[in-house]
Amino acid sequence: MDSLVACVAVCAGSGGSMFSSEPMVRVADLLFTGEASHHEQLDVVSRGVTVITAGHSVSERGYLSQRLKPWLERLVSELSHDGSDVVIEVSATDAEPGIIM
């Protein structure tokens, strides 16, 4: 990367399909995602945007525990009388399905 970054776009999980979003690519200097195909990355890099891929599952873990779980807990609390019978858990055994060699 040879330039300063003014705008970062983030898409957890498989964000490669988001690379075709012209407004996002036009504004972002750096795209951070879990995974994207080789050709999706080549397309974006050819437009002067830097791509960082961190791994599909790894990029989602923080979102699941820090954002989705609290949101679901609030939703359950609002929709139920007491919400005491609903427990929301985020798996601690999540792992990448393949082996990186």
PDB file of N, CA and C in Angstrom:
ATOM      1  N   MET A   1       0.850  -1.164   0.000  1.00  0.00           N
ATOM      2  CA  MET A   1       0.000   0.000   0.000  1.00  0.00           C
ATOM      3  C   MET A   1       0.899   1.231   0.000  1.00  0.00           C
ATOM      4  N   ASP A   2       0.713   2.082  -0.981  1.00  0.00           N
ATOM      5  CA  ASP A   2       1.584   3.239  -1.148  1.00  0.00           C
ATOM      6  C   ASP A   2       0.926   4.576  -0.838  1.00  0.00           C
ATOM      7  N   SER A   3      -0.297   4.561  -0.319  1.00  0.00           N
ATOM      8  CA  SER A   3      -0.986   5.831  -0.077  1.00  0.00           C
ATOM      9  C   SER A   3      -1.648   5.833   1.294  1.00  0.00           C
ATOM     10  N   LEU A   4      -2.010   7.024   1.746  1.00  0.00           N
ATOM     11  CA  LEU A   4      -2.722   7.153   3.012  1.00  0.00           C
ATOM     12  C   LEU A   4      -4.154   6.680   2.844  1.00  0.00           C
ATOM     13  N   VAL A   5      -4.713   6.157   3.923  1.00  0.00           N
ATOM     14  CA  VAL A   5      -6.088   5.668   3.904  1.00  0.00           C
ATOM     15  C   VAL A   5      -6.983   6.691   4.585  1.00  0.00           C
ATOM     16  N   ALA A   6      -7.967   7.182   3.859  1.00  0.00           N
ATOM     17  CA  ALA A   6      -8.921   8.148   4.413  1.00  0.00           C
ATOM     18  C   ALA A   6     -10.254   7.490   4.749  1.00  0.00           C
ATOM     19  N   CYS A   7     -10.602   6.401   4.033  1.00  0.00           N
ATOM     20  CA  CYS A   7     -11.892   5.746   4.253  1.00  0.00           C
ATOM     21  C   CYS A   7     -11.729   4.235   4.167  1.00  0.00           C
ATOM     22  N   VAL A   8     -12.230   3.515   5.191  1.00  0.00           N
ATOM     23  CA  VAL A   8     -12.171   2.058   5.245  1.00  0.00           C
ATOM     24  C   VAL A   8     -13.589   1.513   5.187  1.00  0.00           C
ATOM     25  N   ALA A   9     -13.828   0.531   4.320  1.00  0.00           N
ATOM     26  CA  ALA A   9     -15.109  -0.173   4.264  1.00  0.00           C
ATOM     27  C   ALA A   9     -14.892  -1.555   4.869  1.00  0.00           C
ATOM     28  N   VAL A  10     -15.807  -1.986   5.749  1.00  0.00           N
ATOM     29  CA  VAL A  10     -15.672  -3.265   6.443  1.00  0.00           C
ATOM     30  C   VAL A  10     -16.899  -4.118   6.166  1.00  0.00           C
ATOM     31  N   CYS A  11     -16.668  -5.381   5.798  1.00  0.00           N
ATOM     32  CA  CYS A  11     -17.757  -6.339   5.613  1.00  0.00           C
ATOM     33  C   CYS A  11     -17.298  -7.671   6.177  1.00  0.00           C
ATOM     34  N   ALA A  12     -17.868  -8.063   7.321  1.00  0.00           N
ATOM     35  CA  ALA A  12     -17.503  -9.338   7.945  1.00  0.00           C
ATOM     36  C   ALA A  12     -17.970 -10.494   7.063  1.00  0.00           C
ATOM     37  N   GLY A  13     -17.309 -11.642   7.226  1.00  0.00           N
ATOM     38  CA  GLY A  13     -17.699 -12.828   6.461  1.00  0.00           C
ATOM     39  C   GLY A  13     -17.217 -12.739   5.032  1.00  0.00           C
ATOM     40  N   SER A  14     -18.094 -13.122   4.120  1.00  0.00           N
ATOM     41  CA  SER A  14     -17.743 -13.120   2.703  1.00  0.00           C
ATOM     42  C   SER A  14     -18.190 -11.814   2.071  1.00  0.00           C
ATOM     43  N   GLY A  15     -17.282 -10.870   1.981  1.00  0.00           N
ATOM     44  CA  GLY A  15     -17.628  -9.547   1.479  1.00  0.00           C
ATOM     45  C   GLY A  15     -17.282  -9.309   0.031  1.00  0.00           C
ATOM     46  N   GLY A  16     -16.767 -10.316  -0.639  1.00  0.00           N
ATOM     47  CA  GLY A  16     -16.359 -10.137  -2.028  1.00  0.00           C
ATOM     48  C   GLY A  16     -17.460  -9.634  -2.931  1.00  0.00           C
ATOM     49  N   SER A  17     -18.683 -10.104  -2.712  1.00  0.00           N
ATOM     50  CA  SER A  17     -19.794  -9.667  -3.560  1.00  0.00           C
ATOM     51  C   SER A  17     -20.086  -8.181  -3.366  1.00  0.00           C
ATOM     52  N   MET A  18     -19.703  -7.640  -2.214  1.00  0.00           N
ATOM     53  CA  MET A  18     -19.907  -6.215  -1.948  1.00  0.00           C
ATOM     54  C   MET A  18     -18.942  -5.351  -2.756  1.00  0.00           C
ATOM     55  N   PHE A  19     -17.871  -5.954  -3.249  1.00  0.00           N
ATOM     56  CA  PHE A  19     -16.882  -5.195  -4.006  1.00  0.00           C
ATOM     57  C   PHE A  19     -17.476  -4.617  -5.285  1.00  0.00           C
ATOM     58  N   SER A  20     -18.556  -5.220  -5.761  1.00  0.00           N
ATOM     59  CA  SER A  20     -19.173  -4.717  -6.988  1.00  0.00           C
ATOM     60  C   SER A  20     -20.032  -3.482  -6.729  1.00  0.00           C
ATOM     61  N   SER A  21     -20.177  -3.104  -5.462  1.00  0.00           N
ATOM     62  CA  SER A  21     -20.943  -1.906  -5.117  1.00  0.00           C
ATOM     63  C   SER A  21     -20.136  -0.676  -5.514  1.00  0.00           C
ATOM     64  N   GLU A  22     -20.514  -0.068  -6.605  1.00  0.00           N
ATOM     65  CA  GLU A  22     -19.752   1.069  -7.135  1.00  0.00           C
ATOM     66  C   GLU A  22     -19.583   2.200  -6.122  1.00  0.00           C
ATOM     67  N   PRO A  23     -20.638   2.592  -5.375  1.00  0.00           N
ATOM     68  CA  PRO A  23     -20.437   3.672  -4.389  1.00  0.00           C
ATOM     69  C   PRO A  23     -19.390   3.321  -3.337  1.00  0.00           C
ATOM     70  N   MET A  24     -19.379   2.057  -2.871  1.00  0.00           N
ATOM     71  CA  MET A  24     -18.419   1.669  -1.843  1.00  0.00           C
ATOM     72  C   MET A  24     -16.995   1.744  -2.384  1.00  0.00           C
ATOM     73  N   VAL A  25     -16.784   1.217  -3.564  1.00  0.00           N
ATOM     74  CA  VAL A  25     -15.443   1.199  -4.146  1.00  0.00           C
ATOM     75  C   VAL A  25     -14.994   2.612  -4.508  1.00  0.00           C
ATOM     76  N   ARG A  26     -15.914   3.459  -4.889  1.00  0.00           N
ATOM     77  CA  ARG A  26     -15.570   4.829  -5.258  1.00  0.00           C
ATOM     78  C   ARG A  26     -15.123   5.634  -4.042  1.00  0.00           C
ATOM     79  N   VAL A  27     -15.660   5.329  -2.867  1.00  0.00           N
ATOM     80  CA  VAL A  27     -15.371   6.094  -1.650  1.00  0.00           C
ATOM     81  C   VAL A  27     -14.231   5.479  -0.842  1.00  0.00           C
ATOM     82  N   ALA A  28     -14.192   4.158  -0.728  1.00  0.00           N
ATOM     83  CA  ALA A  28     -13.230   3.488   0.152  1.00  0.00           C
ATOM     84  C   ALA A  28     -11.834   3.439  -0.464  1.00  0.00           C
ATOM     85  N   ASP A  29     -10.844   3.620   0.412  1.00  0.00           N
ATOM     86  CA  ASP A  29      -9.441   3.442   0.020  1.00  0.00           C
ATOM     87  C   ASP A  29      -8.962   2.045   0.385  1.00  0.00           C
ATOM     88  N   LEU A  30      -9.635   1.440   1.368  1.00  0.00           N
ATOM     89  CA  LEU A  30      -9.259   0.123   1.859  1.00  0.00           C
ATOM     90  C   LEU A  30     -10.525  -0.666   2.158  1.00  0.00           C
ATOM     91  N   LEU A  31     -10.585  -1.908   1.676  1.00  0.00           N
ATOM     92  CA  LEU A  31     -11.706  -2.800   1.954  1.00  0.00           C
ATOM     93  C   LEU A  31     -11.208  -3.925   2.845  1.00  0.00           C
ATOM     94  N   PHE A  32     -11.857  -4.107   3.995  1.00  0.00           N
ATOM     95  CA  PHE A  32     -11.492  -5.153   4.952  1.00  0.00           C
ATOM     96  C   PHE A  32     -12.645  -6.140   5.005  1.00  0.00           C
ATOM     97  N   THR A  33     -12.363  -7.418   4.725  1.00  0.00           N
ATOM     98  CA  THR A  33     -13.408  -8.431   4.724  1.00  0.00           C
ATOM     99  C   THR A  33     -12.841  -9.771   5.160  1.00  0.00           C
ATOM    100  N   GLY A  34     -13.723 -10.722   5.337  1.00  0.00           N
ATOM    101  CA  GLY A  34     -13.302 -12.060   5.712  1.00  0.00           C
ATOM    102  C   GLY A  34     -12.717 -12.822   4.540  1.00  0.00           C
ATOM    103  N   GLU A  35     -13.411 -12.742   3.403  1.00  0.00           N
ATOM    104  CA  GLU A  35     -12.926 -13.445   2.224  1.00  0.00           C
ATOM    105  C   GLU A  35     -13.496 -12.817   0.961  1.00  0.00           C
ATOM    106  N   ALA A  36     -12.784 -13.011  -0.118  1.00  0.00           N
ATOM    107  CA  ALA A  36     -13.205 -12.560  -1.440  1.00  0.00           C
ATOM    108  C   ALA A  36     -12.458 -13.405  -2.458  1.00  0.00           C
ATOM    109  N   SER A  37     -13.081 -13.629  -3.585  1.00  0.00           N
ATOM    110  CA  SER A  37     -12.416 -14.438  -4.608  1.00  0.00           C
ATOM    111  C   SER A  37     -11.214 -13.680  -5.191  1.00  0.00           C
ATOM    112  N   HIS A  38     -10.351 -14.426  -5.792  1.00  0.00           N
ATOM    113  CA  HIS A  38      -9.163 -13.853  -6.428  1.00  0.00           C
ATOM    114  C   HIS A  38      -9.562 -12.776  -7.441  1.00  0.00           C
ATOM    115  N   HIS A  39     -10.557 -13.066  -8.266  1.00  0.00           N
ATOM    116  CA  HIS A  39     -10.965 -12.124  -9.307  1.00  0.00           C
ATOM    117  C   HIS A  39     -11.677 -10.905  -8.733  1.00  0.00           C
ATOM    118  N   GLU A  40     -12.435 -11.081  -7.656  1.00  0.00           N
ATOM    119  CA  GLU A  40     -13.053  -9.924  -6.991  1.00  0.00           C
ATOM    120  C   GLU A  40     -11.966  -8.984  -6.460  1.00  0.00           C
ATOM    121  N   GLN A  41     -10.928  -9.570  -5.877  1.00  0.00           N
ATOM    122  CA  GLN A  41      -9.832  -8.753  -5.357  1.00  0.00           C
ATOM    123  C   GLN A  41      -9.079  -8.048  -6.487  1.00  0.00           C
ATOM    124  N   LEU A  42      -8.805  -8.764  -7.568  1.00  0.00           N
ATOM    125  CA  LEU A  42      -8.105  -8.148  -8.705  1.00  0.00           C
ATOM    126  C   LEU A  42      -8.883  -6.964  -9.258  1.00  0.00           C
ATOM    127  N   ASP A  43     -10.200  -7.102  -9.352  1.00  0.00           N
ATOM    128  CA  ASP A  43     -11.037  -6.028  -9.880  1.00  0.00           C
ATOM    129  C   ASP A  43     -10.915  -4.769  -9.027  1.00  0.00           C
ATOM    130  N   VAL A  44     -11.004  -4.938  -7.713  1.00  0.00           N
ATOM    131  CA  VAL A  44     -10.953  -3.783  -6.810  1.00  0.00           C
ATOM    132  C   VAL A  44      -9.555  -3.166  -6.786  1.00  0.00           C
ATOM    133  N   VAL A  45      -8.536  -3.998  -6.728  1.00  0.00           N
ATOM    134  CA  VAL A  45      -7.158  -3.495  -6.705  1.00  0.00           C
ATOM    135  C   VAL A  45      -6.852  -2.722  -7.993  1.00  0.00           C
ATOM    136  N   SER A  46      -7.420  -3.168  -9.113  1.00  0.00           N
ATOM    137  CA  SER A  46      -7.194  -2.457 -10.381  1.00  0.00           C
ATOM    138  C   SER A  46      -7.785  -1.051 -10.357  1.00  0.00           C
ATOM    139  N   ARG A  47      -8.706  -0.795  -9.422  1.00  0.00           N
ATOM    140  CA  ARG A  47      -9.301   0.540  -9.278  1.00  0.00           C
ATOM    141  C   ARG A  47      -8.588   1.366  -8.203  1.00  0.00           C
ATOM    142  N   GLY A  48      -7.455   0.840  -7.700  1.00  0.00           N
ATOM    143  CA  GLY A  48      -6.655   1.601  -6.748  1.00  0.00           C
ATOM    144  C   GLY A  48      -7.043   1.428  -5.292  1.00  0.00           C
ATOM    145  N   VAL A  49      -7.852   0.416  -4.998  1.00  0.00           N
ATOM    146  CA  VAL A  49      -8.302   0.172  -3.628  1.00  0.00           C
ATOM    147  C   VAL A  49      -7.509  -1.001  -3.059  1.00  0.00           C
ATOM    148  N   THR A  50      -7.083  -0.892  -1.808  1.00  0.00           N
ATOM    149  CA  THR A  50      -6.358  -1.966  -1.132  1.00  0.00           C
ATOM    150  C   THR A  50      -7.359  -2.913  -0.483  1.00  0.00           C
ATOM    151  N   VAL A  51      -7.076  -4.221  -0.521  1.00  0.00           N
ATOM    152  CA  VAL A  51      -7.959  -5.235   0.059  1.00  0.00           C
ATOM    153  C   VAL A  51      -7.208  -5.995   1.144  1.00  0.00           C
ATOM    154  N   ILE A  52      -7.866  -6.184   2.291  1.00  0.00           N
ATOM    155  CA  ILE A  52      -7.343  -7.041   3.357  1.00  0.00           C
ATOM    156  C   ILE A  52      -8.387  -8.111   3.625  1.00  0.00           C
ATOM    157  N   THR A  53      -7.983  -9.386   3.561  1.00  0.00           N
ATOM    158  CA  THR A  53      -8.882 -10.484   3.922  1.00  0.00           C
ATOM    159  C   THR A  53      -8.332 -11.152   5.176  1.00  0.00           C
ATOM    160  N   ALA A  54      -9.207 -11.374   6.152  1.00  0.00           N
ATOM    161  CA  ALA A  54      -8.777 -11.890   7.450  1.00  0.00           C
ATOM    162  C   ALA A  54      -9.217 -13.325   7.709  1.00  0.00           C
ATOM    163  N   GLY A  55     -10.064 -13.877   6.870  1.00  0.00           N
ATOM    164  CA  GLY A  55     -10.637 -15.199   7.109  1.00  0.00           C
ATOM    165  C   GLY A  55     -12.111 -15.054   7.470  1.00  0.00           C
ATOM    166  N   HIS A  56     -12.949 -15.855   6.846  1.00  0.00           N
ATOM    167  CA  HIS A  56     -14.400 -15.721   6.986  1.00  0.00           C
ATOM    168  C   HIS A  56     -14.857 -15.755   8.445  1.00  0.00           C
ATOM    169  N   SER A  57     -14.600 -16.858   9.130  1.00  0.00           N
ATOM    170  CA  SER A  57     -15.074 -17.006  10.516  1.00  0.00           C
ATOM    171  C   SER A  57     -14.446 -15.993  11.454  1.00  0.00           C
ATOM    172  N   VAL A  58     -13.165 -15.767  11.308  1.00  0.00           N
ATOM    173  CA  VAL A  58     -12.450 -14.834  12.181  1.00  0.00           C
ATOM    174  C   VAL A  58     -13.069 -13.444  12.107  1.00  0.00           C
ATOM    175  N   SER A  59     -13.451 -13.023  10.917  1.00  0.00           N
ATOM    176  CA  SER A  59     -13.999 -11.676  10.762  1.00  0.00           C
ATOM    177  C   SER A  59     -15.399 -11.545  11.349  1.00  0.00           C
ATOM    178  N   GLU A  60     -16.092 -12.664  11.558  1.00  0.00           N
ATOM    179  CA  GLU A  60     -17.453 -12.613  12.108  1.00  0.00           C
ATOM    180  C   GLU A  60     -17.502 -12.738  13.624  1.00  0.00           C
ATOM    181  N   ARG A  61     -16.515 -13.332  14.236  1.00  0.00           N
ATOM    182  CA  ARG A  61     -16.584 -13.623  15.674  1.00  0.00           C
ATOM    183  C   ARG A  61     -16.853 -12.392  16.527  1.00  0.00           C
ATOM    184  N   GLY A  62     -16.146 -11.319  16.300  1.00  0.00           N
ATOM    185  CA  GLY A  62     -16.361 -10.103  17.084  1.00  0.00           C
ATOM    186  C   GLY A  62     -17.761  -9.559  16.907  1.00  0.00           C
ATOM    187  N   TYR A  63     -18.268  -9.590  15.685  1.00  0.00           N
ATOM    188  CA  TYR A  63     -19.622  -9.101  15.411  1.00  0.00           C
ATOM    189  C   TYR A  63     -20.654  -9.926  16.165  1.00  0.00           C
ATOM    190  N   LEU A  64     -20.499 -11.241  16.135  1.00  0.00           N
ATOM    191  CA  LEU A  64     -21.490 -12.108  16.780  1.00  0.00           C
ATOM    192  C   LEU A  64     -21.587 -11.845  18.274  1.00  0.00           C
ATOM    193  N   SER A  65     -20.458 -11.744  18.945  1.00  0.00           N
ATOM    194  CA  SER A  65     -20.484 -11.579  20.405  1.00  0.00           C
ATOM    195  C   SER A  65     -20.697 -10.136  20.841  1.00  0.00           C
ATOM    196  N   GLN A  66     -20.145  -9.188  20.099  1.00  0.00           N
ATOM    197  CA  GLN A  66     -20.205  -7.788  20.523  1.00  0.00           C
ATOM    198  C   GLN A  66     -21.422  -7.030  20.015  1.00  0.00           C
ATOM    199  N   ARG A  67     -21.986  -7.444  18.905  1.00  0.00           N
ATOM    200  CA  ARG A  67     -23.118  -6.712  18.314  1.00  0.00           C
ATOM    201  C   ARG A  67     -24.402  -7.534  18.270  1.00  0.00           C
ATOM    202  N   LEU A  68     -24.326  -8.719  17.629  1.00  0.00           N
ATOM    203  CA  LEU A  68     -25.551  -9.484  17.406  1.00  0.00           C
ATOM    204  C   LEU A  68     -26.152 -10.020  18.697  1.00  0.00           C
ATOM    205  N   LYS A  69     -25.342 -10.595  19.574  1.00  0.00           N
ATOM    206  CA  LYS A  69     -25.871 -11.146  20.826  1.00  0.00           C
ATOM    207  C   LYS A  69     -26.573 -10.076  21.668  1.00  0.00           C
ATOM    208  N   PRO A  70     -25.948  -8.917  21.946  1.00  0.00           N
ATOM    209  CA  PRO A  70     -26.653  -7.888  22.720  1.00  0.00           C
ATOM    210  C   PRO A  70     -27.936  -7.407  22.038  1.00  0.00           C
ATOM    211  N   TRP A  71     -27.904  -7.293  20.713  1.00  0.00           N
ATOM    212  CA  TRP A  71     -29.100  -6.859  19.988  1.00  0.00           C
ATOM    213  C   TRP A  71     -30.222  -7.880  20.149  1.00  0.00           C
ATOM    214  N   LEU A  72     -29.899  -9.174  20.001  1.00  0.00           N
ATOM    215  CA  LEU A  72     -30.909 -10.225  20.169  1.00  0.00           C
ATOM    216  C   LEU A  72     -31.440 -10.259  21.596  1.00  0.00           C
ATOM    217  N   GLU A  73     -30.570 -10.057  22.574  1.00  0.00           N
ATOM    218  CA  GLU A  73     -31.015 -10.036  23.975  1.00  0.00           C
ATOM    219  C   GLU A  73     -31.989  -8.882  24.223  1.00  0.00           C
ATOM    220  N   ARG A  74     -31.697  -7.721  23.661  1.00  0.00           N
ATOM    221  CA  ARG A  74     -32.630  -6.583  23.795  1.00  0.00           C
ATOM    222  C   ARG A  74     -33.953  -6.873  23.096  1.00  0.00           C
ATOM    223  N   LEU A  75     -33.888  -7.461  21.918  1.00  0.00           N
ATOM    224  CA  LEU A  75     -35.094  -7.782  21.162  1.00  0.00           C
ATOM    225  C   LEU A  75     -35.971  -8.766  21.925  1.00  0.00           C
ATOM    226  N   VAL A  76     -35.366  -9.817  22.459  1.00  0.00           N
ATOM    227  CA  VAL A  76     -36.119 -10.807  23.239  1.00  0.00           C
ATOM    228  C   VAL A  76     -36.748 -10.144  24.453  1.00  0.00           C
ATOM    229  N   SER A  77     -36.002  -9.298  25.115  1.00  0.00           N
ATOM    230  CA  SER A  77     -36.513  -8.602  26.298  1.00  0.00           C
ATOM    231  C   SER A  77     -37.712  -7.716  25.945  1.00  0.00           C
ATOM    232  N   GLU A  78     -37.640  -7.034  24.813  1.00  0.00           N
ATOM    233  CA  GLU A  78     -38.733  -6.152  24.393  1.00  0.00           C
ATOM    234  C   GLU A  78     -39.966  -6.929  23.948  1.00  0.00           C
ATOM    235  N   LEU A  79     -39.769  -8.089  23.320  1.00  0.00           N
ATOM    236  CA  LEU A  79     -40.889  -8.846  22.764  1.00  0.00           C
ATOM    237  C   LEU A  79     -41.531  -9.811  23.746  1.00  0.00           C
ATOM    238  N   SER A  80     -40.830 -10.175  24.791  1.00  0.00           N
ATOM    239  CA  SER A  80     -41.391 -11.115  25.762  1.00  0.00           C
ATOM    240  C   SER A  80     -41.716 -10.377  27.052  1.00  0.00           C
ATOM    241  N   HIS A  81     -42.488 -11.047  27.892  1.00  0.00           N
ATOM    242  CA  HIS A  81     -42.867 -10.427  29.163  1.00  0.00           C
ATOM    243  C   HIS A  81     -41.669 -10.293  30.088  1.00  0.00           C
ATOM    244  N   ASP A  82     -40.882 -11.360  30.192  1.00  0.00           N
ATOM    245  CA  ASP A  82     -39.704 -11.270  31.062  1.00  0.00           C
ATOM    246  C   ASP A  82     -38.428 -11.757  30.379  1.00  0.00           C
ATOM    247  N   GLY A  83     -38.541 -12.532  29.306  1.00  0.00           N
ATOM    248  CA  GLY A  83     -37.371 -12.986  28.566  1.00  0.00           C
ATOM    249  C   GLY A  83     -36.476 -13.937  29.323  1.00  0.00           C
ATOM    250  N   SER A  84     -36.914 -14.363  30.497  1.00  0.00           N
ATOM    251  CA  SER A  84     -36.044 -15.183  31.345  1.00  0.00           C
ATOM    252  C   SER A  84     -35.857 -16.598  30.817  1.00  0.00           C
ATOM    253  N   ASP A  85     -36.739 -17.067  29.941  1.00  0.00           N
ATOM    254  CA  ASP A  85     -36.606 -18.437  29.443  1.00  0.00           C
ATOM    255  C   ASP A  85     -35.784 -18.521  28.151  1.00  0.00           C
ATOM    256  N   VAL A  86     -35.271 -17.405  27.675  1.00  0.00           N
ATOM    257  CA  VAL A  86     -34.481 -17.393  26.444  1.00  0.00           C
ATOM    258  C   VAL A  86     -33.031 -17.056  26.780  1.00  0.00           C
ATOM    259  N   VAL A  87     -32.124 -17.951  26.364  1.00  0.00           N
ATOM    260  CA  VAL A  87     -30.696 -17.721  26.568  1.00  0.00           C
ATOM    261  C   VAL A  87     -30.037 -17.671  25.190  1.00  0.00           C
ATOM    262  N   ILE A  88     -29.305 -16.630  24.941  1.00  0.00           N
ATOM    263  CA  ILE A  88     -28.607 -16.476  23.662  1.00  0.00           C
ATOM    264  C   ILE A  88     -27.127 -16.735  23.904  1.00  0.00           C
ATOM    265  N   GLU A  89     -26.583 -17.693  23.166  1.00  0.00           N
ATOM    266  CA  GLU A  89     -25.179 -18.068  23.314  1.00  0.00           C
ATOM    267  C   GLU A  89     -24.456 -17.908  21.984  1.00  0.00           C
ATOM    268  N   VAL A  90     -23.205 -17.534  22.046  1.00  0.00           N
ATOM    269  CA  VAL A  90     -22.334 -17.512  20.873  1.00  0.00           C
ATOM    270  C   VAL A  90     -21.331 -18.640  21.066  1.00  0.00           C
ATOM    271  N   SER A  91     -21.253 -19.523  20.100  1.00  0.00           N
ATOM    272  CA  SER A  91     -20.374 -20.682  20.211  1.00  0.00           C
ATOM    273  C   SER A  91     -18.921 -20.272  20.440  1.00  0.00           C
ATOM    274  N   ALA A  92     -18.291 -20.942  21.384  1.00  0.00           N
ATOM    275  CA  ALA A  92     -16.868 -20.710  21.651  1.00  0.00           C
ATOM    276  C   ALA A  92     -16.011 -21.707  20.876  1.00  0.00           C
ATOM    277  N   THR A  93     -16.651 -22.659  20.183  1.00  0.00           N
ATOM    278  CA  THR A  93     -15.909 -23.690  19.463  1.00  0.00           C
ATOM    279  C   THR A  93     -15.875 -23.447  17.963  1.00  0.00           C
ATOM    280  N   ASP A  94     -16.329 -22.284  17.532  1.00  0.00           N
ATOM    281  CA  ASP A  94     -16.319 -21.949  16.116  1.00  0.00           C
ATOM    282  C   ASP A  94     -14.888 -21.985  15.591  1.00  0.00           C
ATOM    283  N   ALA A  95     -14.715 -22.531  14.418  1.00  0.00           N
ATOM    284  CA  ALA A  95     -13.379 -22.607  13.822  1.00  0.00           C
ATOM    285  C   ALA A  95     -13.499 -22.577  12.305  1.00  0.00           C
ATOM    286  N   GLU A  96     -12.428 -22.224  11.650  1.00  0.00           N
ATOM    287  CA  GLU A  96     -12.403 -22.270  10.191  1.00  0.00           C
ATOM    288  C   GLU A  96     -12.631 -23.718   9.759  1.00  0.00           C
ATOM    289  N   PRO A  97     -13.435 -23.947   8.718  1.00  0.00           N
ATOM    290  CA  PRO A  97     -13.722 -25.321   8.301  1.00  0.00           C
ATOM    291  C   PRO A  97     -12.556 -26.002   7.593  1.00  0.00           C
ATOM    292  N   GLY A  98     -11.626 -25.246   7.083  1.00  0.00           N
ATOM    293  CA  GLY A  98     -10.502 -25.838   6.366  1.00  0.00           C
ATOM    294  C   GLY A  98      -9.189 -25.591   7.072  1.00  0.00           C
ATOM    295  N   ILE A  99      -8.151 -26.108   6.493  1.00  0.00           N
ATOM    296  CA  ILE A  99      -6.806 -25.929   7.031  1.00  0.00           C
ATOM    297  C   ILE A  99      -6.043 -25.016   6.073  1.00  0.00           C
ATOM    298  N   ILE A 100      -5.424 -23.986   6.607  1.00  0.00           N
ATOM    299  CA  ILE A 100      -4.624 -23.092   5.776  1.00  0.00           C
ATOM    300  C   ILE A 100      -3.205 -23.632   5.732  1.00  0.00           C
ATOM    301  N   MET A 101      -2.702 -23.862   4.535  1.00  0.00           N
ATOM    302  CA  MET A 101      -1.373 -24.459   4.376  1.00  0.00           C
ATOM    303  C   MET A 101      -0.407 -23.452   3.795  1.00  0.00           C
TER     304      MET A 101
END
